[in-house]
Amino acid sequence: MSMGEPEGDEAVDYRFTLANERTFLAWIRTALALLAGAVAVLHLLPLGWSETPRTAVGLLLALIAGVVTVYAPVRWFRVQRIMRRGDTLPMSALPLITTFVVGLVCLAVLLGNLL
């Protein structure tokens, strides 16, 4: 077993391991996109908003980016360990949380531009 590889009882088909790594990378890309959105809202976009809503939206995006960044390697390790044990993968709440936060940001941008 190599360094950093989760302990378990049985070998995992490399296709599942690679799929798990692709999922990890997708979460990292999501975090980077959220962070880019935060930078854009805080520093680049001429939204015409006052400082408070602009800061709130930017910090919300940065916060969820941080959560996703921490979640990605934890999930990768956990899934790898579960696959080695042959257990069932549990559902994760983070996709719903991320969807909710991005939806809130979309609503804020729409309302901010209409009002």
C-alpha atoms as a PDB file:
ATOM      1  CA  MET A   1       0.000   0.000   0.000  1.00  0.00           C
ATOM      2  CA  SER A   2       1.409   3.407  -0.920  1.00  0.00           C
ATOM      3  CA  MET A   3       1.737   6.427   1.334  1.00  0.00           C
ATOM      4  CA  GLY A   4      -1.514   8.356   1.806  1.00  0.00           C
ATOM      5  CA  GLU A   5      -3.652   5.519   0.493  1.00  0.00           C
ATOM      6  CA  PRO A   6      -6.614   4.718   2.759  1.00  0.00           C
ATOM      7  CA  GLU A   7      -6.489   1.445   4.620  1.00  0.00           C
ATOM      8  CA  GLY A   8      -9.066  -1.195   3.832  1.00  0.00           C
ATOM      9  CA  ASP A   9      -9.738  -4.842   3.246  1.00  0.00           C
ATOM     10  CA  GLU A  10      -9.820  -5.258  -0.521  1.00  0.00           C
ATOM     11  CA  ALA A  11      -8.335  -3.693  -3.627  1.00  0.00           C
ATOM     12  CA  VAL A  12     -10.539  -1.308  -5.556  1.00  0.00           C
ATOM     13  CA  ASP A  13     -10.875  -1.545  -9.318  1.00  0.00           C
ATOM     14  CA  TYR A  14      -8.663   1.200 -10.740  1.00  0.00           C
ATOM     15  CA  ARG A  15     -11.593   2.553 -12.777  1.00  0.00           C
ATOM     16  CA  PHE A  16     -13.462   3.382  -9.574  1.00  0.00           C
ATOM     17  CA  THR A  17     -10.351   4.939  -8.067  1.00  0.00           C
ATOM     18  CA  LEU A  18      -9.884   7.092 -11.171  1.00  0.00           C
ATOM     19  CA  ALA A  19     -13.576   8.060 -11.119  1.00  0.00           C
ATOM     20  CA  ASN A  20     -13.151   9.096  -7.483  1.00  0.00           C
ATOM     21  CA  GLU A  21     -10.148  11.236  -8.465  1.00  0.00           C
ATOM     22  CA  ARG A  22     -12.135  12.861 -11.284  1.00  0.00           C
ATOM     23  CA  THR A  23     -14.876  13.705  -8.802  1.00  0.00           C
ATOM     24  CA  PHE A  24     -12.265  15.224  -6.487  1.00  0.00           C
ATOM     25  CA  LEU A  25     -10.939  17.351  -9.350  1.00  0.00           C
ATOM     26  CA  ALA A  26     -14.483  18.424 -10.266  1.00  0.00           C
ATOM     27  CA  TRP A  27     -14.991  19.679  -6.712  1.00  0.00           C
ATOM     28  CA  ILE A  28     -11.696  21.572  -6.886  1.00  0.00           C
ATOM     29  CA  ARG A  29     -12.760  23.159 -10.202  1.00  0.00           C
ATOM     30  CA  THR A  30     -16.052  24.130  -8.586  1.00  0.00           C
ATOM     31  CA  ALA A  31     -14.193  25.773  -5.704  1.00  0.00           C
ATOM     32  CA  LEU A  32     -11.969  27.674  -8.131  1.00  0.00           C
ATOM     33  CA  ALA A  33     -14.998  28.888 -10.105  1.00  0.00           C
ATOM     34  CA  LEU A  34     -16.715  30.033  -6.914  1.00  0.00           C
ATOM     35  CA  LEU A  35     -13.567  31.840  -5.824  1.00  0.00           C
ATOM     36  CA  ALA A  36     -13.267  33.506  -9.234  1.00  0.00           C
ATOM     37  CA  GLY A  37     -16.878  34.629  -8.848  1.00  0.00           C
ATOM     38  CA  ALA A  38     -16.081  36.056  -5.424  1.00  0.00           C
ATOM     39  CA  VAL A  39     -13.126  38.019  -6.797  1.00  0.00           C
ATOM     40  CA  ALA A  40     -15.258  39.285  -9.678  1.00  0.00           C
ATOM     41  CA  VAL A  41     -18.062  40.466  -7.384  1.00  0.00           C
ATOM     42  CA  LEU A  42     -15.685  42.040  -4.880  1.00  0.00           C
ATOM     43  CA  HIS A  43     -13.242  43.703  -7.260  1.00  0.00           C
ATOM     44  CA  LEU A  44     -14.079  43.584 -10.951  1.00  0.00           C
ATOM     45  CA  LEU A  45     -17.752  43.865 -11.816  1.00  0.00           C
ATOM     46  CA  PRO A  46     -19.383  47.282 -11.990  1.00  0.00           C
ATOM     47  CA  LEU A  47     -22.635  46.126 -10.368  1.00  0.00           C
ATOM     48  CA  GLY A  48     -23.564  49.555  -9.072  1.00  0.00           C
ATOM     49  CA  TRP A  49     -24.364  48.051  -5.683  1.00  0.00           C
ATOM     50  CA  SER A  50     -23.519  49.599  -2.353  1.00  0.00           C
ATOM     51  CA  GLU A  51     -20.583  48.110  -0.481  1.00  0.00           C
ATOM     52  CA  THR A  52     -22.644  45.957   1.931  1.00  0.00           C
ATOM     53  CA  PRO A  53     -24.496  43.682  -0.540  1.00  0.00           C
ATOM     54  CA  ARG A  54     -21.458  43.440  -2.797  1.00  0.00           C
ATOM     55  CA  THR A  55     -19.293  42.357   0.155  1.00  0.00           C
ATOM     56  CA  ALA A  56     -21.953  39.929   1.418  1.00  0.00           C
ATOM     57  CA  VAL A  57     -22.289  38.196  -1.967  1.00  0.00           C
ATOM     58  CA  GLY A  58     -18.519  38.104  -2.510  1.00  0.00           C
ATOM     59  CA  LEU A  59     -17.817  36.712   0.942  1.00  0.00           C
ATOM     60  CA  LEU A  60     -20.606  34.135   0.595  1.00  0.00           C
ATOM     61  CA  LEU A  61     -19.011  32.891  -2.633  1.00  0.00           C
ATOM     62  CA  ALA A  62     -15.564  32.833  -1.016  1.00  0.00           C
ATOM     63  CA  LEU A  63     -16.946  30.973   2.014  1.00  0.00           C
ATOM     64  CA  ILE A  64     -18.583  28.239  -0.050  1.00  0.00           C
ATOM     65  CA  ALA A  65     -15.377  27.972  -2.119  1.00  0.00           C
ATOM     66  CA  GLY A  66     -13.454  27.363   1.103  1.00  0.00           C
ATOM     67  CA  VAL A  67     -15.962  24.767   2.288  1.00  0.00           C
ATOM     68  CA  VAL A  68     -15.769  22.919  -1.038  1.00  0.00           C
ATOM     69  CA  THR A  69     -11.958  23.052  -0.959  1.00  0.00           C
ATOM     70  CA  VAL A  70     -11.879  21.410   2.473  1.00  0.00           C
ATOM     71  CA  TYR A  71     -14.643  18.951   1.540  1.00  0.00           C
ATOM     72  CA  ALA A  72     -13.009  17.652  -1.666  1.00  0.00           C
ATOM     73  CA  PRO A  73     -10.017  15.783  -0.189  1.00  0.00           C
ATOM     74  CA  VAL A  74     -12.040  14.604   2.825  1.00  0.00           C
ATOM     75  CA  ARG A  75     -14.671  13.154   0.490  1.00  0.00           C
ATOM     76  CA  TRP A  76     -12.035  11.601  -1.791  1.00  0.00           C
ATOM     77  CA  PHE A  77     -10.374   9.838   1.152  1.00  0.00           C
ATOM     78  CA  ARG A  78     -13.692   8.749   2.657  1.00  0.00           C
ATOM     79  CA  VAL A  79     -15.026   7.339  -0.631  1.00  0.00           C
ATOM     80  CA  GLN A  80     -11.771   5.496  -1.278  1.00  0.00           C
ATOM     81  CA  ARG A  81     -11.920   3.936   2.185  1.00  0.00           C
ATOM     82  CA  ILE A  82     -15.597   2.977   1.758  1.00  0.00           C
ATOM     83  CA  MET A  83     -14.877   1.366  -1.625  1.00  0.00           C
ATOM     84  CA  ARG A  84     -12.006  -0.648  -0.124  1.00  0.00           C
ATOM     85  CA  ARG A  85     -14.335  -1.943   2.560  1.00  0.00           C
ATOM     86  CA  GLY A  86     -17.083  -2.716   0.050  1.00  0.00           C
ATOM     87  CA  ASP A  87     -19.589  -0.526   1.901  1.00  0.00           C
ATOM     88  CA  THR A  88     -22.377   1.590   0.440  1.00  0.00           C
ATOM     89  CA  LEU A  89     -21.602   5.226  -0.350  1.00  0.00           C
ATOM     90  CA  PRO A  90     -23.649   7.655   1.744  1.00  0.00           C
ATOM     91  CA  MET A  91     -25.395  10.679   0.290  1.00  0.00           C
ATOM     92  CA  SER A  92     -23.684  14.024   0.709  1.00  0.00           C
ATOM     93  CA  ALA A  93     -25.442  17.277   1.547  1.00  0.00           C
ATOM     94  CA  LEU A  94     -22.793  19.513  -0.025  1.00  0.00           C
ATOM     95  CA  PRO A  95     -24.164  19.381  -3.595  1.00  0.00           C
ATOM     96  CA  LEU A  96     -27.506  20.668  -2.285  1.00  0.00           C
ATOM     97  CA  ILE A  97     -25.832  23.302  -0.111  1.00  0.00           C
ATOM     98  CA  THR A  98     -23.693  24.480  -3.032  1.00  0.00           C
ATOM     99  CA  THR A  99     -26.749  24.620  -5.290  1.00  0.00           C
ATOM    100  CA  PHE A 100     -28.667  26.621  -2.684  1.00  0.00           C
ATOM    101  CA  VAL A 101     -25.825  29.129  -2.202  1.00  0.00           C
ATOM    102  CA  VAL A 102     -25.294  29.594  -5.951  1.00  0.00           C
ATOM    103  CA  GLY A 103     -29.064  30.030  -6.334  1.00  0.00           C
ATOM    104  CA  LEU A 104     -29.044  32.709  -3.624  1.00  0.00           C
ATOM    105  CA  VAL A 105     -26.221  34.517  -5.387  1.00  0.00           C
ATOM    106  CA  CYS A 106     -28.121  34.342  -8.706  1.00  0.00           C
ATOM    107  CA  LEU A 107     -31.220  35.749  -7.020  1.00  0.00           C
ATOM    108  CA  ALA A 108     -29.169  38.538  -5.399  1.00  0.00           C
ATOM    109  CA  VAL A 109     -27.608  39.485  -8.733  1.00  0.00           C
ATOM    110  CA  LEU A 110     -30.984  39.462 -10.496  1.00  0.00           C
ATOM    111  CA  LEU A 111     -32.698  41.503  -7.795  1.00  0.00           C
ATOM    112  CA  GLY A 112     -29.712  43.806  -7.447  1.00  0.00           C
ATOM    113  CA  ASN A 113     -29.859  44.648 -11.150  1.00  0.00           C
ATOM    114  CA  LEU A 114     -33.644  45.065 -11.223  1.00  0.00           C
ATOM    115  CA  LEU A 115     -33.917  47.356  -8.218  1.00  0.00           C
END
